[in-house]
Amino acid sequence: MKSVLLTGFEPFDRETVNPSIEAVLAVEAAGICGVRLVTAELPCAFDTSAEQMRRLLEQHRPDLIVAVGQAGGRTELTLERVAINLDDARIPDNAGAQPIDRPVVAGGPAAYFSSLPLKATVQALRKGGIPASVSYTAGTFVCNHLFYALMHEVATLQRVCRAGFVHVPYLPAQAAAHPGQPSMALATMVEGLRLVVSTALSVAQDTRESAGQLH
């Protein structure tokens, strides 16, 4: 049985809810057939989020890791392709840290790419009626920090596993407090994450098609 680690974040920036952990916990409650699922809520804090992820990897040795975060203002599930070695925080994290122009890992590569089958997953999501796309920026806040730290840790492990990061939009209740912002129902996020997991476990070679952007 494959072992899968799903993580989400606690609320941040004065929000009372974070859709990433709400969706992850709902996936855990529903379960995924044939999968040993481990979930965790991570702090929205640069250093401690990465530390907790490292401990989870050491403890559970998962075959697949999907980290999930909130991207308010986006309209789709966005599968992040690249994590960059840069912290440049517009706002403080939940621990009060606001690093500027700091590497995630000193001396580390400029970037890491997701090892999830991104294009095949977007195809599966759209076929299931779930808005989705490949994203080429995970920002420079805690989400990107965790994504980079995760991929750096995976790159240094002695065993092979797949890993990546998915951003989800606001929940409808959050969007109501942010007039004009798009949202996605929790049930849609949950079904989307289930498809992300199942596709990552079943597709060995990603689809070769364009998912690029002009800007």
N, C-alpha and C. Protein backbone atom coordinates (compact mmCIF):
# COMPACT_ATOMS: atom_id res chain seq x y z
N MET A 1 0.84 -1.20 0.00
CA MET A 1 0.00 0.00 0.00
C MET A 1 0.88 1.25 0.00
N LYS A 2 0.58 2.18 -0.89
CA LYS A 2 1.34 3.41 -0.99
C LYS A 2 1.04 4.33 0.18
N SER A 3 2.08 5.01 0.64
CA SER A 3 1.94 5.98 1.72
C SER A 3 1.95 7.38 1.15
N VAL A 4 0.96 8.18 1.53
CA VAL A 4 0.81 9.54 1.00
C VAL A 4 0.74 10.53 2.16
N LEU A 5 1.54 11.58 2.07
CA LEU A 5 1.50 12.67 3.04
C LEU A 5 0.85 13.88 2.40
N LEU A 6 -0.21 14.36 3.02
CA LEU A 6 -0.90 15.59 2.60
C LEU A 6 -0.76 16.61 3.71
N THR A 7 -0.32 17.82 3.36
CA THR A 7 -0.21 18.87 4.37
C THR A 7 -0.96 20.12 3.93
N GLY A 8 -1.48 20.86 4.92
CA GLY A 8 -2.09 22.16 4.69
C GLY A 8 -1.57 23.12 5.73
N PHE A 9 -1.95 24.38 5.58
CA PHE A 9 -1.47 25.42 6.49
C PHE A 9 -2.57 25.93 7.42
N GLU A 10 -2.16 26.43 8.57
CA GLU A 10 -3.05 27.15 9.46
C GLU A 10 -3.44 28.49 8.83
N PRO A 11 -4.49 29.14 9.33
CA PRO A 11 -4.87 30.46 8.81
C PRO A 11 -3.76 31.49 9.03
N PHE A 12 -3.74 32.50 8.18
CA PHE A 12 -2.74 33.57 8.30
C PHE A 12 -3.34 34.88 7.79
N ASP A 13 -2.64 35.95 8.04
CA ASP A 13 -3.02 37.29 7.54
C ASP A 13 -4.45 37.66 7.95
N ARG A 14 -4.75 37.45 9.21
CA ARG A 14 -6.03 37.82 9.82
C ARG A 14 -7.22 36.97 9.34
N GLU A 15 -6.98 35.95 8.55
CA GLU A 15 -8.06 35.04 8.17
C GLU A 15 -8.35 34.09 9.34
N THR A 16 -9.60 33.64 9.43
CA THR A 16 -9.97 32.70 10.48
C THR A 16 -9.98 31.26 9.99
N VAL A 17 -9.78 31.07 8.71
CA VAL A 17 -9.79 29.73 8.12
C VAL A 17 -8.77 29.70 7.00
N ASN A 18 -8.21 28.54 6.74
CA ASN A 18 -7.33 28.34 5.60
C ASN A 18 -7.87 27.16 4.81
N PRO A 19 -8.26 27.37 3.55
CA PRO A 19 -8.87 26.29 2.77
C PRO A 19 -7.96 25.10 2.56
N SER A 20 -6.65 25.32 2.62
CA SER A 20 -5.74 24.21 2.38
C SER A 20 -5.87 23.13 3.44
N ILE A 21 -5.89 23.51 4.71
CA ILE A 21 -6.01 22.48 5.75
C ILE A 21 -7.44 21.97 5.83
N GLU A 22 -8.42 22.81 5.55
CA GLU A 22 -9.80 22.33 5.54
C GLU A 22 -9.97 21.24 4.49
N ALA A 23 -9.41 21.44 3.32
CA ALA A 23 -9.52 20.45 2.25
C ALA A 23 -8.74 19.18 2.60
N VAL A 24 -7.55 19.34 3.16
CA VAL A 24 -6.73 18.18 3.52
C VAL A 24 -7.44 17.32 4.57
N LEU A 25 -8.01 17.95 5.58
CA LEU A 25 -8.72 17.20 6.62
C LEU A 25 -9.96 16.52 6.07
N ALA A 26 -10.63 17.15 5.11
CA ALA A 26 -11.80 16.54 4.49
C ALA A 26 -11.41 15.34 3.64
N VAL A 27 -10.25 15.41 2.97
CA VAL A 27 -9.75 14.25 2.23
C VAL A 27 -9.45 13.11 3.20
N GLU A 28 -8.84 13.45 4.33
CA GLU A 28 -8.55 12.42 5.33
C GLU A 28 -9.82 11.75 5.82
N ALA A 29 -10.87 12.55 6.06
CA ALA A 29 -12.14 12.00 6.55
C ALA A 29 -12.77 11.08 5.51
N ALA A 30 -12.65 11.44 4.23
CA ALA A 30 -13.24 10.62 3.16
C ALA A 30 -12.38 9.41 2.86
N GLY A 31 -11.08 9.54 3.02
CA GLY A 31 -10.17 8.46 2.70
C GLY A 31 -9.93 8.31 1.21
N ILE A 32 -8.87 7.60 0.86
CA ILE A 32 -8.57 7.28 -0.54
C ILE A 32 -8.28 5.79 -0.59
N CYS A 33 -9.04 5.08 -1.38
CA CYS A 33 -8.94 3.62 -1.44
C CYS A 33 -7.52 3.18 -1.83
N GLY A 34 -6.98 2.23 -1.08
CA GLY A 34 -5.69 1.67 -1.40
C GLY A 34 -4.51 2.52 -1.02
N VAL A 35 -4.75 3.56 -0.20
CA VAL A 35 -3.70 4.50 0.17
C VAL A 35 -3.63 4.62 1.69
N ARG A 36 -2.42 4.61 2.23
CA ARG A 36 -2.23 4.93 3.64
C ARG A 36 -1.96 6.42 3.73
N LEU A 37 -2.95 7.15 4.21
CA LEU A 37 -2.92 8.61 4.16
C LEU A 37 -2.50 9.19 5.51
N VAL A 38 -1.53 10.08 5.46
CA VAL A 38 -1.09 10.84 6.64
C VAL A 38 -1.30 12.31 6.34
N THR A 39 -1.91 13.04 7.27
CA THR A 39 -2.13 14.47 7.07
C THR A 39 -1.53 15.26 8.21
N ALA A 40 -1.24 16.52 7.94
CA ALA A 40 -0.67 17.39 8.97
C ALA A 40 -1.00 18.84 8.67
N GLU A 41 -1.25 19.60 9.73
CA GLU A 41 -1.40 21.05 9.62
C GLU A 41 -0.07 21.69 9.98
N LEU A 42 0.44 22.50 9.08
CA LEU A 42 1.72 23.16 9.29
C LEU A 42 1.51 24.62 9.68
N PRO A 43 2.43 25.16 10.47
CA PRO A 43 2.33 26.58 10.82
C PRO A 43 2.65 27.45 9.62
N CYS A 44 2.00 28.58 9.52
CA CYS A 44 2.34 29.53 8.45
C CYS A 44 3.51 30.37 8.93
N ALA A 45 4.66 29.73 9.00
CA ALA A 45 5.88 30.34 9.49
C ALA A 45 7.04 29.73 8.72
N PHE A 46 7.94 30.57 8.26
CA PHE A 46 9.01 30.12 7.37
C PHE A 46 9.78 28.94 7.94
N ASP A 47 10.45 29.15 9.03
CA ASP A 47 11.38 28.13 9.52
C ASP A 47 10.68 26.91 10.09
N THR A 48 9.64 27.10 10.89
CA THR A 48 9.01 25.96 11.54
C THR A 48 8.23 25.09 10.58
N SER A 49 7.69 25.67 9.51
CA SER A 49 6.98 24.84 8.53
C SER A 49 7.93 23.84 7.88
N ALA A 50 9.10 24.31 7.50
CA ALA A 50 10.09 23.42 6.88
C ALA A 50 10.61 22.39 7.87
N GLU A 51 10.82 22.80 9.11
CA GLU A 51 11.29 21.87 10.13
C GLU A 51 10.27 20.75 10.36
N GLN A 52 9.00 21.13 10.45
CA GLN A 52 7.96 20.12 10.66
C GLN A 52 7.85 19.19 9.46
N MET A 53 7.99 19.73 8.25
CA MET A 53 7.95 18.87 7.07
C MET A 53 9.09 17.86 7.10
N ARG A 54 10.28 18.29 7.48
CA ARG A 54 11.41 17.36 7.56
C ARG A 54 11.14 16.24 8.56
N ARG A 55 10.56 16.58 9.69
CA ARG A 55 10.23 15.56 10.69
C ARG A 55 9.19 14.58 10.17
N LEU A 56 8.21 15.09 9.45
CA LEU A 56 7.17 14.22 8.88
C LEU A 56 7.77 13.25 7.86
N LEU A 57 8.69 13.73 7.04
CA LEU A 57 9.32 12.86 6.05
C LEU A 57 10.15 11.78 6.72
N GLU A 58 10.88 12.15 7.76
CA GLU A 58 11.69 11.16 8.48
C GLU A 58 10.82 10.13 9.18
N GLN A 59 9.71 10.58 9.75
CA GLN A 59 8.84 9.68 10.51
C GLN A 59 8.06 8.73 9.63
N HIS A 60 7.52 9.22 8.52
CA HIS A 60 6.56 8.43 7.73
C HIS A 60 7.15 7.87 6.44
N ARG A 61 8.23 8.44 5.92
CA ARG A 61 8.84 7.95 4.68
C ARG A 61 7.79 7.73 3.58
N PRO A 62 7.03 8.75 3.23
CA PRO A 62 5.95 8.56 2.27
C PRO A 62 6.45 8.33 0.84
N ASP A 63 5.61 7.70 0.05
CA ASP A 63 5.90 7.53 -1.37
C ASP A 63 5.53 8.77 -2.17
N LEU A 64 4.59 9.56 -1.64
CA LEU A 64 4.09 10.75 -2.32
C LEU A 64 3.82 11.82 -1.28
N ILE A 65 4.27 13.04 -1.57
CA ILE A 65 3.97 14.18 -0.70
C ILE A 65 3.31 15.27 -1.54
N VAL A 66 2.15 15.72 -1.09
CA VAL A 66 1.47 16.84 -1.73
C VAL A 66 1.22 17.89 -0.65
N ALA A 67 1.93 19.01 -0.76
CA ALA A 67 1.71 20.13 0.15
C ALA A 67 0.69 21.06 -0.50
N VAL A 68 -0.21 21.59 0.32
CA VAL A 68 -1.30 22.42 -0.18
C VAL A 68 -1.29 23.76 0.54
N GLY A 69 -1.55 24.83 -0.21
CA GLY A 69 -1.59 26.16 0.37
C GLY A 69 -2.69 27.00 -0.23
N GLN A 70 -2.98 28.11 0.41
CA GLN A 70 -4.01 29.05 -0.05
C GLN A 70 -3.41 30.07 -1.00
N ALA A 71 -4.12 30.32 -2.11
CA ALA A 71 -3.75 31.40 -3.04
C ALA A 71 -5.01 32.22 -3.30
N GLY A 72 -5.31 33.13 -2.37
CA GLY A 72 -6.49 33.98 -2.54
C GLY A 72 -6.40 34.81 -3.81
N GLY A 73 -7.47 34.84 -4.58
CA GLY A 73 -7.50 35.56 -5.84
C GLY A 73 -7.42 34.65 -7.05
N ARG A 74 -6.93 33.43 -6.87
CA ARG A 74 -6.89 32.48 -7.99
C ARG A 74 -8.24 31.83 -8.16
N THR A 75 -8.51 31.40 -9.39
CA THR A 75 -9.82 30.84 -9.72
C THR A 75 -9.81 29.33 -9.85
N GLU A 76 -8.63 28.72 -9.85
CA GLU A 76 -8.49 27.30 -10.13
C GLU A 76 -7.62 26.61 -9.08
N LEU A 77 -7.63 25.28 -9.09
CA LEU A 77 -6.55 24.55 -8.44
C LEU A 77 -5.32 24.74 -9.30
N THR A 78 -4.24 25.23 -8.72
CA THR A 78 -3.04 25.47 -9.50
C THR A 78 -1.91 24.58 -9.00
N LEU A 79 -1.39 23.78 -9.90
CA LEU A 79 -0.30 22.87 -9.59
C LEU A 79 1.01 23.58 -9.87
N GLU A 80 1.79 23.81 -8.83
CA GLU A 80 3.01 24.59 -8.95
C GLU A 80 4.12 23.77 -9.61
N ARG A 81 4.76 24.39 -10.58
CA ARG A 81 5.82 23.67 -11.30
C ARG A 81 7.21 23.92 -10.71
N VAL A 82 7.45 25.13 -10.18
CA VAL A 82 8.81 25.48 -9.78
C VAL A 82 8.83 26.18 -8.43
N ALA A 83 9.76 25.79 -7.59
CA ALA A 83 10.02 26.45 -6.31
C ALA A 83 11.36 27.16 -6.42
N ILE A 84 11.41 28.43 -6.01
CA ILE A 84 12.66 29.19 -6.13
C ILE A 84 13.31 29.38 -4.76
N ASN A 85 14.62 29.51 -4.79
CA ASN A 85 15.40 29.61 -3.56
C ASN A 85 15.42 31.06 -3.06
N LEU A 86 14.26 31.56 -2.70
CA LEU A 86 14.14 32.95 -2.29
C LEU A 86 12.96 33.15 -1.35
N ASP A 87 13.24 33.78 -0.22
CA ASP A 87 12.21 34.30 0.69
C ASP A 87 12.20 35.82 0.53
N ASP A 88 11.03 36.37 0.23
CA ASP A 88 10.89 37.83 0.10
C ASP A 88 9.47 38.17 0.53
N ALA A 89 9.28 38.35 1.83
CA ALA A 89 7.95 38.40 2.42
C ALA A 89 7.34 39.79 2.36
N ARG A 90 6.15 39.89 1.76
CA ARG A 90 5.42 41.16 1.74
C ARG A 90 4.81 41.47 3.09
N ILE A 91 4.44 40.41 3.82
CA ILE A 91 3.87 40.55 5.17
C ILE A 91 4.61 39.61 6.10
N PRO A 92 4.54 39.84 7.42
CA PRO A 92 5.16 38.89 8.35
C PRO A 92 4.42 37.56 8.36
N ASP A 93 5.14 36.49 8.66
CA ASP A 93 4.48 35.21 8.86
C ASP A 93 3.84 35.17 10.25
N ASN A 94 3.25 34.06 10.63
CA ASN A 94 2.55 33.99 11.91
C ASN A 94 3.47 34.02 13.12
N ALA A 95 4.77 33.89 12.89
CA ALA A 95 5.75 34.00 13.97
C ALA A 95 6.37 35.39 14.01
N GLY A 96 5.92 36.27 13.12
CA GLY A 96 6.44 37.63 13.09
C GLY A 96 7.66 37.81 12.21
N ALA A 97 8.11 36.77 11.55
CA ALA A 97 9.29 36.86 10.68
C ALA A 97 8.92 37.43 9.32
N GLN A 98 9.77 38.28 8.79
CA GLN A 98 9.55 38.87 7.46
C GLN A 98 10.87 38.94 6.71
N PRO A 99 11.40 37.78 6.31
CA PRO A 99 12.68 37.78 5.61
C PRO A 99 12.59 38.46 4.24
N ILE A 100 13.63 39.16 3.89
CA ILE A 100 13.69 39.86 2.61
C ILE A 100 14.98 39.45 1.89
N ASP A 101 14.82 39.00 0.67
CA ASP A 101 15.97 38.62 -0.18
C ASP A 101 16.88 37.62 0.51
N ARG A 102 16.27 36.62 1.14
CA ARG A 102 17.02 35.58 1.84
C ARG A 102 16.82 34.25 1.13
N PRO A 103 17.86 33.45 0.95
CA PRO A 103 17.66 32.13 0.35
C PRO A 103 16.92 31.20 1.30
N VAL A 104 16.14 30.31 0.74
CA VAL A 104 15.50 29.27 1.54
C VAL A 104 16.56 28.35 2.11
N VAL A 105 17.48 27.94 1.25
CA VAL A 105 18.61 27.08 1.65
C VAL A 105 19.88 27.74 1.15
N ALA A 106 20.72 28.20 2.06
CA ALA A 106 21.97 28.84 1.65
C ALA A 106 22.81 27.87 0.83
N GLY A 107 23.23 28.31 -0.34
CA GLY A 107 24.06 27.48 -1.20
C GLY A 107 23.28 26.47 -2.02
N GLY A 108 21.94 26.46 -1.87
CA GLY A 108 21.12 25.51 -2.62
C GLY A 108 20.94 25.94 -4.06
N PRO A 109 20.43 25.04 -4.92
CA PRO A 109 20.15 25.40 -6.31
C PRO A 109 19.18 26.58 -6.40
N ALA A 110 19.20 27.28 -7.51
CA ALA A 110 18.30 28.43 -7.70
C ALA A 110 16.85 28.00 -7.66
N ALA A 111 16.56 26.78 -8.10
CA ALA A 111 15.17 26.33 -8.16
C ALA A 111 15.10 24.81 -8.18
N TYR A 112 13.93 24.31 -7.82
CA TYR A 112 13.59 22.90 -7.97
C TYR A 112 12.26 22.82 -8.72
N PHE A 113 12.11 21.74 -9.50
CA PHE A 113 10.84 21.49 -10.18
C PHE A 113 10.04 20.42 -9.44
N SER A 114 8.73 20.55 -9.47
CA SER A 114 7.85 19.52 -8.94
C SER A 114 8.12 18.20 -9.65
N SER A 115 7.95 17.11 -8.94
CA SER A 115 8.07 15.80 -9.58
C SER A 115 6.71 15.14 -9.80
N LEU A 116 5.63 15.90 -9.60
CA LEU A 116 4.29 15.39 -9.90
C LEU A 116 4.05 15.43 -11.41
N PRO A 117 3.19 14.54 -11.93
CA PRO A 117 2.83 14.60 -13.35
C PRO A 117 1.81 15.72 -13.57
N LEU A 118 2.29 16.94 -13.65
CA LEU A 118 1.42 18.12 -13.60
C LEU A 118 0.41 18.19 -14.74
N LYS A 119 0.88 17.98 -15.95
CA LYS A 119 0.00 18.14 -17.11
C LYS A 119 -1.05 17.04 -17.17
N ALA A 120 -0.65 15.82 -16.85
CA ALA A 120 -1.62 14.72 -16.81
C ALA A 120 -2.66 14.97 -15.71
N THR A 121 -2.22 15.56 -14.61
CA THR A 121 -3.14 15.85 -13.51
C THR A 121 -4.12 16.94 -13.89
N VAL A 122 -3.64 17.98 -14.55
CA VAL A 122 -4.54 19.04 -15.01
C VAL A 122 -5.58 18.46 -15.97
N GLN A 123 -5.15 17.58 -16.85
CA GLN A 123 -6.10 16.91 -17.76
C GLN A 123 -7.17 16.17 -16.98
N ALA A 124 -6.75 15.40 -15.98
CA ALA A 124 -7.70 14.61 -15.18
C ALA A 124 -8.65 15.52 -14.42
N LEU A 125 -8.13 16.60 -13.87
CA LEU A 125 -8.98 17.53 -13.13
C LEU A 125 -10.02 18.18 -14.04
N ARG A 126 -9.59 18.65 -15.18
CA ARG A 126 -10.53 19.30 -16.11
C ARG A 126 -11.56 18.31 -16.62
N LYS A 127 -11.13 17.08 -16.88
CA LYS A 127 -12.07 16.05 -17.30
C LYS A 127 -13.12 15.81 -16.23
N GLY A 128 -12.74 15.96 -14.97
CA GLY A 128 -13.66 15.81 -13.86
C GLY A 128 -14.46 17.06 -13.54
N GLY A 129 -14.31 18.08 -14.38
CA GLY A 129 -15.07 19.31 -14.18
C GLY A 129 -14.50 20.25 -13.14
N ILE A 130 -13.22 20.06 -12.80
CA ILE A 130 -12.58 20.88 -11.78
C ILE A 130 -11.61 21.85 -12.45
N PRO A 131 -11.81 23.16 -12.30
CA PRO A 131 -10.91 24.14 -12.92
C PRO A 131 -9.49 23.95 -12.40
N ALA A 132 -8.53 23.87 -13.30
CA ALA A 132 -7.15 23.60 -12.90
C ALA A 132 -6.18 24.09 -13.96
N SER A 133 -4.96 24.39 -13.53
CA SER A 133 -3.91 24.79 -14.46
C SER A 133 -2.56 24.58 -13.80
N VAL A 134 -1.51 24.60 -14.63
CA VAL A 134 -0.14 24.59 -14.14
C VAL A 134 0.25 26.04 -13.84
N SER A 135 0.87 26.26 -12.69
CA SER A 135 1.35 27.59 -12.30
C SER A 135 2.87 27.59 -12.30
N TYR A 136 3.43 28.75 -12.66
CA TYR A 136 4.87 28.87 -12.72
C TYR A 136 5.43 29.80 -11.64
N THR A 137 4.59 30.16 -10.68
CA THR A 137 5.07 30.92 -9.54
C THR A 137 4.30 30.54 -8.29
N ALA A 138 5.02 30.10 -7.28
CA ALA A 138 4.41 29.80 -5.99
C ALA A 138 4.58 30.97 -5.02
N GLY A 139 4.96 32.15 -5.57
CA GLY A 139 5.17 33.32 -4.75
C GLY A 139 6.53 33.30 -4.07
N THR A 140 6.68 34.17 -3.06
CA THR A 140 7.94 34.22 -2.31
C THR A 140 7.67 34.23 -0.81
N PHE A 141 6.48 33.73 -0.44
CA PHE A 141 6.09 33.69 0.97
C PHE A 141 6.28 32.27 1.50
N VAL A 142 5.54 31.88 2.50
CA VAL A 142 5.75 30.59 3.17
C VAL A 142 5.46 29.41 2.26
N CYS A 143 4.49 29.54 1.36
CA CYS A 143 4.18 28.42 0.46
C CYS A 143 5.40 28.05 -0.38
N ASN A 144 6.02 29.04 -1.02
CA ASN A 144 7.21 28.75 -1.82
C ASN A 144 8.34 28.23 -0.93
N HIS A 145 8.50 28.82 0.26
CA HIS A 145 9.54 28.37 1.18
C HIS A 145 9.40 26.88 1.49
N LEU A 146 8.16 26.48 1.83
CA LEU A 146 7.93 25.07 2.15
C LEU A 146 8.14 24.18 0.92
N PHE A 147 7.65 24.63 -0.23
CA PHE A 147 7.79 23.88 -1.47
C PHE A 147 9.26 23.65 -1.78
N TYR A 148 10.07 24.70 -1.70
CA TYR A 148 11.50 24.57 -1.98
C TYR A 148 12.17 23.65 -0.95
N ALA A 149 11.86 23.88 0.33
CA ALA A 149 12.47 23.05 1.38
C ALA A 149 12.09 21.58 1.21
N LEU A 150 10.85 21.33 0.82
CA LEU A 150 10.39 19.96 0.57
C LEU A 150 11.19 19.33 -0.56
N MET A 151 11.29 20.02 -1.68
CA MET A 151 11.98 19.45 -2.83
C MET A 151 13.47 19.30 -2.56
N HIS A 152 14.05 20.19 -1.77
CA HIS A 152 15.46 20.06 -1.39
C HIS A 152 15.66 18.82 -0.52
N GLU A 153 14.73 18.61 0.41
CA GLU A 153 14.83 17.44 1.28
C GLU A 153 14.68 16.15 0.47
N VAL A 154 13.71 16.13 -0.44
CA VAL A 154 13.51 14.95 -1.28
C VAL A 154 14.75 14.68 -2.13
N ALA A 155 15.37 15.74 -2.63
CA ALA A 155 16.56 15.58 -3.48
C ALA A 155 17.73 14.97 -2.72
N THR A 156 17.75 15.13 -1.39
CA THR A 156 18.85 14.60 -0.61
C THR A 156 18.54 13.26 0.06
N LEU A 157 17.28 12.79 -0.09
CA LEU A 157 16.92 11.49 0.48
C LEU A 157 17.52 10.36 -0.33
N GLN A 158 17.69 9.21 0.29
CA GLN A 158 18.24 8.04 -0.39
C GLN A 158 17.19 7.21 -1.10
N ARG A 159 15.92 7.52 -0.86
CA ARG A 159 14.84 6.76 -1.51
C ARG A 159 14.04 7.67 -2.41
N VAL A 160 13.42 7.08 -3.42
CA VAL A 160 12.69 7.85 -4.43
C VAL A 160 11.26 8.09 -3.98
N CYS A 161 10.81 9.31 -4.07
CA CYS A 161 9.40 9.61 -3.84
C CYS A 161 9.03 10.81 -4.70
N ARG A 162 7.74 10.97 -4.92
CA ARG A 162 7.24 12.10 -5.69
C ARG A 162 6.75 13.18 -4.74
N ALA A 163 6.92 14.44 -5.15
CA ALA A 163 6.49 15.53 -4.28
C ALA A 163 6.14 16.76 -5.11
N GLY A 164 5.27 17.57 -4.55
CA GLY A 164 4.90 18.81 -5.21
C GLY A 164 3.98 19.65 -4.36
N PHE A 165 3.53 20.75 -4.94
CA PHE A 165 2.73 21.73 -4.20
C PHE A 165 1.52 22.13 -5.04
N VAL A 166 0.38 22.27 -4.36
CA VAL A 166 -0.88 22.68 -5.00
C VAL A 166 -1.44 23.87 -4.25
N HIS A 167 -1.84 24.90 -4.99
CA HIS A 167 -2.53 26.04 -4.40
C HIS A 167 -4.03 25.93 -4.65
N VAL A 168 -4.82 26.28 -3.64
CA VAL A 168 -6.28 26.29 -3.76
C VAL A 168 -6.80 27.70 -3.56
N PRO A 169 -7.94 28.05 -4.18
CA PRO A 169 -8.52 29.39 -4.02
C PRO A 169 -9.14 29.59 -2.63
N TYR A 170 -9.69 30.77 -2.43
CA TYR A 170 -10.49 31.03 -1.24
C TYR A 170 -11.70 30.10 -1.19
N LEU A 171 -12.18 29.83 0.00
CA LEU A 171 -13.50 29.24 0.19
C LEU A 171 -14.55 30.33 0.00
N PRO A 172 -15.81 29.97 -0.33
CA PRO A 172 -16.85 30.98 -0.53
C PRO A 172 -17.02 31.94 0.65
N ALA A 173 -16.93 31.43 1.88
CA ALA A 173 -17.08 32.31 3.04
C ALA A 173 -15.96 33.34 3.11
N GLN A 174 -14.76 32.97 2.70
CA GLN A 174 -13.65 33.93 2.67
C GLN A 174 -13.87 34.97 1.58
N ALA A 175 -14.31 34.52 0.41
CA ALA A 175 -14.52 35.44 -0.70
C ALA A 175 -15.60 36.48 -0.36
N ALA A 176 -16.57 36.09 0.46
CA ALA A 176 -17.61 37.03 0.87
C ALA A 176 -17.03 38.20 1.65
N ALA A 177 -15.91 37.94 2.33
CA ALA A 177 -15.24 39.01 3.09
C ALA A 177 -14.24 39.78 2.22
N HIS A 178 -14.04 39.31 0.99
CA HIS A 178 -13.14 39.96 0.04
C HIS A 178 -13.91 40.19 -1.26
N PRO A 179 -14.75 41.22 -1.30
CA PRO A 179 -15.62 41.43 -2.47
C PRO A 179 -14.86 41.41 -3.79
N GLY A 180 -15.42 40.67 -4.72
CA GLY A 180 -14.83 40.58 -6.05
C GLY A 180 -13.83 39.45 -6.21
N GLN A 181 -13.49 38.77 -5.12
CA GLN A 181 -12.52 37.68 -5.21
C GLN A 181 -13.21 36.36 -5.55
N PRO A 182 -12.60 35.53 -6.37
CA PRO A 182 -13.18 34.23 -6.71
C PRO A 182 -13.03 33.25 -5.55
N SER A 183 -13.78 32.14 -5.66
CA SER A 183 -13.72 31.12 -4.62
C SER A 183 -14.01 29.76 -5.24
N MET A 184 -13.86 28.72 -4.41
CA MET A 184 -14.14 27.35 -4.84
C MET A 184 -14.76 26.61 -3.66
N ALA A 185 -15.76 25.79 -3.94
CA ALA A 185 -16.42 25.02 -2.89
C ALA A 185 -15.45 23.99 -2.31
N LEU A 186 -15.57 23.75 -1.02
CA LEU A 186 -14.70 22.78 -0.36
C LEU A 186 -14.80 21.41 -1.02
N ALA A 187 -16.00 20.98 -1.37
CA ALA A 187 -16.18 19.67 -1.99
C ALA A 187 -15.40 19.56 -3.30
N THR A 188 -15.32 20.66 -4.04
CA THR A 188 -14.56 20.65 -5.30
C THR A 188 -13.07 20.52 -5.02
N MET A 189 -12.60 21.25 -4.01
CA MET A 189 -11.18 21.12 -3.63
C MET A 189 -10.85 19.69 -3.22
N VAL A 190 -11.72 19.09 -2.43
CA VAL A 190 -11.49 17.73 -1.94
C VAL A 190 -11.41 16.75 -3.09
N GLU A 191 -12.36 16.83 -4.01
CA GLU A 191 -12.32 15.93 -5.16
C GLU A 191 -11.07 16.19 -5.99
N GLY A 192 -10.69 17.47 -6.09
CA GLY A 192 -9.47 17.79 -6.83
C GLY A 192 -8.23 17.19 -6.21
N LEU A 193 -8.09 17.29 -4.91
CA LEU A 193 -6.92 16.72 -4.25
C LEU A 193 -6.89 15.20 -4.35
N ARG A 194 -8.05 14.59 -4.30
CA ARG A 194 -8.11 13.14 -4.47
C ARG A 194 -7.60 12.75 -5.86
N LEU A 195 -7.96 13.54 -6.87
CA LEU A 195 -7.50 13.28 -8.23
C LEU A 195 -6.00 13.55 -8.36
N VAL A 196 -5.51 14.57 -7.68
CA VAL A 196 -4.07 14.84 -7.69
C VAL A 196 -3.31 13.62 -7.17
N VAL A 197 -3.78 13.07 -6.06
CA VAL A 197 -3.12 11.91 -5.46
C VAL A 197 -3.21 10.69 -6.38
N SER A 198 -4.40 10.39 -6.85
CA SER A 198 -4.58 9.19 -7.67
C SER A 198 -3.80 9.27 -8.97
N THR A 199 -3.73 10.45 -9.57
CA THR A 199 -2.98 10.60 -10.82
C THR A 199 -1.48 10.46 -10.57
N ALA A 200 -1.01 11.06 -9.48
CA ALA A 200 0.42 10.96 -9.16
C ALA A 200 0.84 9.53 -8.89
N LEU A 201 -0.06 8.72 -8.36
CA LEU A 201 0.26 7.32 -8.05
C LEU A 201 0.12 6.41 -9.26
N SER A 202 -0.63 6.84 -10.27
CA SER A 202 -0.91 5.95 -11.40
C SER A 202 -0.20 6.33 -12.70
N VAL A 203 0.23 7.58 -12.83
CA VAL A 203 0.86 8.05 -14.07
C VAL A 203 2.37 8.12 -13.87
N ALA A 204 3.10 7.28 -14.59
CA ALA A 204 4.55 7.26 -14.45
C ALA A 204 5.22 8.36 -15.26
N GLN A 205 4.73 8.60 -16.45
CA GLN A 205 5.32 9.58 -17.36
C GLN A 205 4.30 10.67 -17.66
N ASP A 206 4.66 11.91 -17.43
CA ASP A 206 3.71 13.01 -17.62
C ASP A 206 3.36 13.17 -19.09
N THR A 207 2.19 13.72 -19.33
CA THR A 207 1.74 14.04 -20.68
C THR A 207 2.64 15.11 -21.29
N ARG A 208 2.95 14.95 -22.57
CA ARG A 208 3.77 15.94 -23.25
C ARG A 208 2.86 16.85 -24.09
N GLU A 209 2.54 17.99 -23.53
CA GLU A 209 1.72 18.98 -24.23
C GLU A 209 2.03 20.34 -23.63
N SER A 210 1.68 21.40 -24.35
CA SER A 210 1.98 22.74 -23.87
C SER A 210 1.06 23.13 -22.71
N ALA A 211 1.69 23.65 -21.67
CA ALA A 211 0.94 24.28 -20.58
C ALA A 211 1.62 25.59 -20.21
N GLY A 212 2.36 26.15 -21.19
CA GLY A 212 3.11 27.37 -20.95
C GLY A 212 2.23 28.61 -20.94
N GLN A 213 2.82 29.71 -20.55
CA GLN A 213 2.14 31.00 -20.46
C GLN A 213 2.97 32.07 -21.12
N LEU A 214 2.28 33.08 -21.65
CA LEU A 214 2.98 34.19 -22.29
C LEU A 214 3.46 35.22 -21.28
N HIS A 215 2.79 35.27 -20.13
CA HIS A 215 3.19 36.23 -19.08
C HIS A 215 2.68 35.75 -17.74
